[in-house]
Protein backbone atom coordinates (compact mmCIF):
# COMPACT_ATOMS: atom_id res chain seq x y z
CA MET A 1 0.00 0.00 0.00
CA LYS A 2 1.44 3.38 -1.05
CA ARG A 3 0.80 5.99 1.67
CA ILE A 4 1.60 9.51 0.50
CA PHE A 5 1.27 12.83 2.30
CA THR A 6 1.41 16.07 0.29
CA VAL A 7 2.22 18.94 2.63
CA GLY A 8 3.59 22.48 2.49
CA VAL A 9 2.63 26.12 2.60
CA PRO A 10 -0.94 26.81 1.48
CA ARG A 11 -0.97 28.04 -2.16
CA SER A 12 2.36 26.35 -2.90
CA GLY A 13 1.03 23.81 -5.41
CA THR A 14 -0.24 21.08 -3.08
CA THR A 15 -3.52 20.69 -5.00
CA LEU A 16 -1.66 20.62 -8.32
CA CYS A 17 0.64 17.91 -6.94
CA GLN A 18 -2.36 15.96 -5.64
CA THR A 19 -4.12 15.97 -9.01
CA LEU A 20 -0.95 15.00 -10.88
CA LEU A 21 -0.62 11.98 -8.60
CA MET A 22 -4.29 11.10 -9.10
CA ALA A 23 -3.75 11.39 -12.85
CA SER A 24 -1.49 8.33 -12.67
CA GLY A 25 -4.66 6.26 -12.20
CA GLN A 26 -2.86 4.31 -9.47
CA LEU A 27 -3.86 6.30 -6.37
CA VAL A 28 -7.03 7.59 -4.72
CA SER A 29 -7.32 10.88 -2.87
CA PHE A 30 -9.80 12.96 -0.92
CA THR A 31 -10.58 16.48 0.26
CA GLU A 32 -8.51 17.97 3.07
CA SER A 33 -9.33 16.35 6.41
CA HIS A 34 -7.30 18.51 8.85
CA TYR A 35 -7.70 15.60 11.26
CA LEU A 36 -4.13 14.96 12.36
CA SER A 37 -3.26 18.64 12.70
CA SER A 38 -6.31 19.17 14.96
CA LEU A 39 -5.54 16.45 17.49
CA PRO A 40 -4.96 17.63 21.07
CA PRO A 41 -1.91 16.57 23.14
CA SER A 42 -2.46 13.21 24.82
CA ASN A 43 -1.92 14.84 28.23
CA SER A 44 -4.44 17.62 27.67
CA PRO A 45 -6.87 17.88 30.63
CA PHE A 46 -9.83 18.13 28.23
CA ARG A 47 -8.52 15.62 25.71
CA TRP A 48 -11.64 13.40 25.87
CA VAL A 49 -13.87 16.18 24.62
CA ALA A 50 -11.29 17.38 22.07
CA PHE A 51 -10.77 13.87 20.69
CA LEU A 52 -14.52 13.38 20.37
CA VAL A 53 -14.85 16.66 18.44
CA CYS A 54 -12.04 15.53 16.11
CA PHE A 55 -13.78 12.18 15.65
CA TRP A 56 -17.14 13.78 14.78
CA ARG A 57 -15.45 16.05 12.24
CA LEU A 58 -13.57 13.11 10.73
CA ARG A 59 -16.80 11.09 10.50
CA ARG A 60 -18.51 13.94 8.61
CA TRP A 61 -15.46 14.27 6.35
CA ALA A 62 -15.51 10.53 5.57
CA ARG A 63 -19.22 10.68 4.72
CA ARG A 64 -18.72 13.69 2.41
CA ASN A 65 -15.98 11.77 0.62
CA GLY A 66 -18.18 8.71 0.16
CA PHE A 67 -16.19 6.36 2.40
CA SER A 68 -17.48 2.81 2.65
CA VAL A 69 -15.64 2.35 5.96
CA ALA A 70 -16.12 4.44 9.10
CA PRO A 71 -13.58 5.94 11.50
CA LYS A 72 -13.44 4.86 15.13
CA PRO A 73 -13.23 7.10 18.21
CA VAL A 74 -9.82 7.07 19.91
CA PHE A 75 -8.39 9.10 22.78
CA ARG A 76 -4.61 9.08 22.28
CA ARG A 77 -2.58 10.72 19.53
CA GLU A 78 -0.68 7.54 18.69
CA ALA A 79 -3.93 5.59 18.40
CA ALA A 80 -5.47 8.39 16.33
CA ILE A 81 -2.59 8.30 13.84
CA ALA A 82 -2.88 4.51 13.52
CA MET A 83 -6.65 4.71 13.09
CA TYR A 84 -6.37 7.41 10.39
CA LEU A 85 -3.78 5.49 8.37
CA ASN A 86 -5.80 2.28 8.63
CA LEU A 87 -8.95 4.18 7.58
CA LEU A 88 -7.30 5.44 4.40
CA ASP A 89 -5.79 2.01 3.72
CA ALA A 90 -9.21 0.34 4.03
CA GLU A 91 -10.92 2.90 1.80
CA ALA A 92 -8.21 2.61 -0.86
CA ARG A 93 -8.65 -1.18 -0.90
CA ALA A 94 -12.43 -0.77 -1.07
CA ARG A 95 -11.95 1.38 -4.19
CA GLY A 96 -9.62 -1.17 -5.76
CA SER A 97 -6.48 0.95 -5.36
CA ASP A 98 -3.03 0.10 -4.04
CA GLY A 99 -2.38 3.54 -2.58
CA TRP A 100 -3.70 6.91 -1.46
CA VAL A 101 -2.70 10.56 -1.31
CA ASP A 102 -3.52 12.69 1.72
CA LYS A 103 -3.36 16.38 0.79
CA THR A 104 -3.72 18.53 3.87
CA PRO A 105 -1.00 21.22 3.96
CA ALA A 106 -1.26 21.57 7.76
CA HIS A 107 -0.32 17.91 8.25
CA LEU A 108 3.18 19.28 7.81
CA ARG A 109 3.06 19.83 11.58
CA VAL A 110 2.77 16.10 12.33
CA VAL A 111 5.37 14.70 9.91
CA GLN A 112 7.67 13.62 12.74
CA ALA A 113 4.82 11.90 14.60
CA LEU A 114 3.86 10.08 11.40
CA ARG A 115 7.45 8.95 10.88
CA ALA A 116 7.60 7.68 14.45
CA HIS A 117 4.57 5.53 13.69
CA SER A 118 5.72 4.18 10.32
CA ARG A 119 8.79 4.49 8.12
CA GLN A 120 6.78 3.26 5.12
CA LEU A 121 5.17 6.65 4.49
CA ARG A 122 6.22 9.04 1.73
CA PHE A 123 6.12 12.83 1.97
CA ILE A 124 5.91 15.38 -0.85
CA PHE A 125 7.05 18.78 0.42
CA CYS A 126 5.71 21.58 -1.77
CA TYR A 127 7.67 24.81 -1.92
CA ARG A 128 6.97 28.05 -3.76
CA ASP A 129 8.86 31.32 -4.21
CA GLY A 130 8.05 33.76 -1.41
CA ALA A 131 6.66 36.64 -3.46
CA GLY A 132 4.26 34.49 -5.49
CA CYS A 133 3.11 32.38 -2.56
CA VAL A 134 2.58 35.33 -0.21
CA ASP A 135 0.62 37.25 -2.83
CA SER A 136 -1.60 34.25 -3.65
CA LEU A 137 -2.19 33.38 0.01
CA ALA A 138 -3.02 36.98 0.95
CA LYS A 139 -5.65 37.10 -1.81
CA VAL A 140 -7.57 34.06 -0.54
CA LEU A 141 -7.33 34.78 3.19
CA PRO A 142 -10.45 37.01 3.16
CA GLU A 143 -12.42 34.06 1.76
CA TRP A 144 -11.09 31.77 4.51
CA ARG A 145 -11.92 34.25 7.26
CA GLY A 146 -15.10 35.63 5.73
CA GLU A 147 -13.90 39.22 5.51
CA PRO A 148 -10.70 41.17 4.73
CA ASP A 149 -8.31 41.97 7.54
CA GLU A 150 -5.47 44.48 7.48
CA SER A 151 -3.13 41.82 8.87
CA ASP A 152 -3.76 39.33 6.03
CA ARG A 153 -0.54 40.05 4.15
CA ALA A 154 1.57 40.06 7.29
CA TYR A 155 0.06 36.70 8.24
CA ALA A 156 0.77 35.36 4.73
CA ILE A 157 4.43 36.33 5.04
CA ALA A 158 4.74 34.75 8.48
CA ARG A 159 2.95 31.57 7.35
CA TRP A 160 5.16 31.23 4.27
CA LEU A 161 8.33 31.71 6.29
CA HIS A 162 7.33 29.29 9.04
CA ASP A 163 5.97 26.51 6.81
CA SER A 164 8.77 26.77 4.23
CA ALA A 165 11.38 26.50 6.96
CA LEU A 166 9.52 23.54 8.48
CA CYS A 167 9.44 21.82 5.08
CA HIS A 168 13.22 22.07 4.83
CA LEU A 169 13.75 20.93 8.41
CA ARG A 170 11.43 17.93 8.03
CA PHE A 171 12.83 16.81 4.65
CA ASP A 172 14.47 13.37 4.79
CA ALA A 173 16.10 11.97 1.69
CA ASP A 174 14.92 8.47 2.58
CA ASP A 175 11.20 9.23 2.39
CA SER A 176 10.80 12.75 0.95
CA PHE A 177 10.47 14.50 -2.40
CA ASN A 178 10.91 18.27 -2.67
CA LEU A 179 8.49 19.67 -5.27
CA VAL A 180 9.19 23.28 -6.30
CA TYR A 181 6.20 25.05 -7.85
CA GLU A 182 8.22 27.13 -10.31
CA GLN A 183 10.13 24.08 -11.55
CA LEU A 184 6.86 22.20 -12.04
CA LEU A 185 5.41 25.00 -14.16
CA GLY A 186 8.64 25.32 -16.15
CA ASP A 187 9.24 21.64 -16.91
CA GLU A 188 6.20 19.63 -15.88
CA GLU A 189 7.08 16.39 -17.63
CA SER A 190 10.54 16.15 -16.11
CA VAL A 191 9.30 16.92 -12.59
CA VAL A 192 6.34 14.54 -12.86
CA SER A 193 8.58 11.80 -14.22
CA SER A 194 10.95 12.20 -11.25
CA LEU A 195 8.01 12.28 -8.83
CA TYR A 196 6.45 9.11 -10.25
CA ALA A 197 9.83 7.34 -10.18
CA PHE A 198 10.38 8.33 -6.54
CA LEU A 199 6.98 6.89 -5.57
CA GLY A 200 7.34 3.76 -7.69
CA LEU A 201 4.43 4.71 -9.95
CA ALA A 202 4.20 3.61 -13.58
CA GLN A 203 4.95 6.50 -15.93
CA VAL A 204 1.90 7.89 -17.73
CA PRO A 205 2.36 10.18 -20.79
CA ALA A 206 0.78 13.60 -20.40
CA GLY A 207 -1.62 12.91 -23.26
CA ASP A 208 -2.99 9.84 -21.49
CA ARG A 209 -3.72 11.59 -18.19
CA PRO A 210 -7.26 12.81 -17.41
CA ALA A 211 -7.92 16.55 -17.20
CA LEU A 212 -6.51 17.94 -13.94
CA SER A 213 -9.48 20.26 -13.50
CA THR A 214 -11.79 17.24 -13.45
CA LEU A 215 -9.66 15.54 -10.82
CA ALA A 216 -9.42 18.73 -8.76
CA ALA A 217 -13.21 18.97 -8.63
CA GLN A 218 -13.30 15.52 -7.02
CA VAL A 219 -11.07 16.61 -4.12
CA THR A 220 -12.42 20.14 -3.58
CA ASP A 221 -14.95 20.56 -0.80
CA GLU A 222 -17.99 22.74 -1.52
CA SER A 223 -16.67 25.24 1.03
CA GLU A 224 -13.36 25.56 -0.85
CA LEU A 225 -14.51 27.21 -4.06
CA TRP A 226 -11.61 29.68 -3.82
CA LYS A 227 -9.45 26.79 -5.06
CA GLY A 228 -10.81 27.39 -8.56
CA ASN A 229 -7.61 29.13 -9.68
CA ASN A 230 -5.24 26.52 -8.23
CA LEU A 231 -4.54 24.94 -11.59
CA ARG A 232 -3.48 28.06 -13.44
CA ARG A 233 -0.73 26.85 -15.77
CA SER A 234 0.40 30.08 -17.44
CA GLY A 235 3.01 30.98 -14.85
CA VAL A 236 3.56 32.34 -11.38
CA GLU A 237 1.36 35.15 -10.15
CA PRO A 238 3.09 38.50 -9.68
CA GLY A 239 4.34 39.29 -6.21
CA GLY A 240 2.48 42.58 -5.82
CA GLU A 241 3.23 45.19 -3.20
CA LEU A 242 4.54 43.47 -0.08
CA PRO A 243 4.51 45.49 3.16
CA THR A 244 8.09 44.62 4.02
CA GLN A 245 11.54 45.24 2.63
CA ASN A 246 12.86 42.07 4.24
CA LEU A 247 11.17 39.42 2.09
CA GLU A 248 14.33 38.82 0.05
CA ALA A 249 16.29 38.38 3.27
CA LEU A 250 13.67 35.94 4.55
CA THR A 251 13.87 34.03 1.27
CA ARG A 252 17.65 33.72 1.65
CA LEU A 253 17.17 32.52 5.23
CA VAL A 254 14.80 29.77 4.13
CA ASP A 255 17.16 28.75 1.31
CA GLU A 256 20.00 28.45 3.81
CA LEU A 257 17.93 25.97 5.81
CA ARG A 258 17.77 23.56 2.89
């Protein structure tokens, strides 16, 4: 069973990566669950309530994604990780597939916990240039929050810096693939070929792959309509006016962490 996590900064190409993997015809995938990144610490005084809330949300998520198997309530992080992996394994088998792709960018926070549970997992770390990623993230934040906020762009910069650095720190050559958004747009076939080879997937010519927009619609929740421009293929969005003169310095800092 191929178990693949696609993680990274929001708006860094995680959905594009997810659909390219689905286009192989060898993997199943789903909408973002946010389950693992929402789990409370096992020693939290209110963990029973928090774990139940996470379970109810996961059950609704599984129903929306048409799962034929149901999650089980658990009350420890280690047990929750095992249950989640087994849930995706069982659903992939039920759909006649030998593998799955979990695409929840925030699951970047639990990569080490996942590794501690199993060394058979594979991680795709998505990275995007700071100016393009910050600009794209700042544009969709009002839709996430429901209204614009003057701190949106500052948050986007901080989120890009933190998550990009975490991607580099969590990268492990034994189980990780570093997917750079700009390289994917510039030479898709070469990057996809390397990605498929890393995961042990059979190569599929671009002309034989289904339309990515069709696949993206299958893994986009009805509350995530802002993802409609995720598959823009004409190039990177312009950086726009960033409220800091230190973005280049931050970019160099992240590059040094690689």
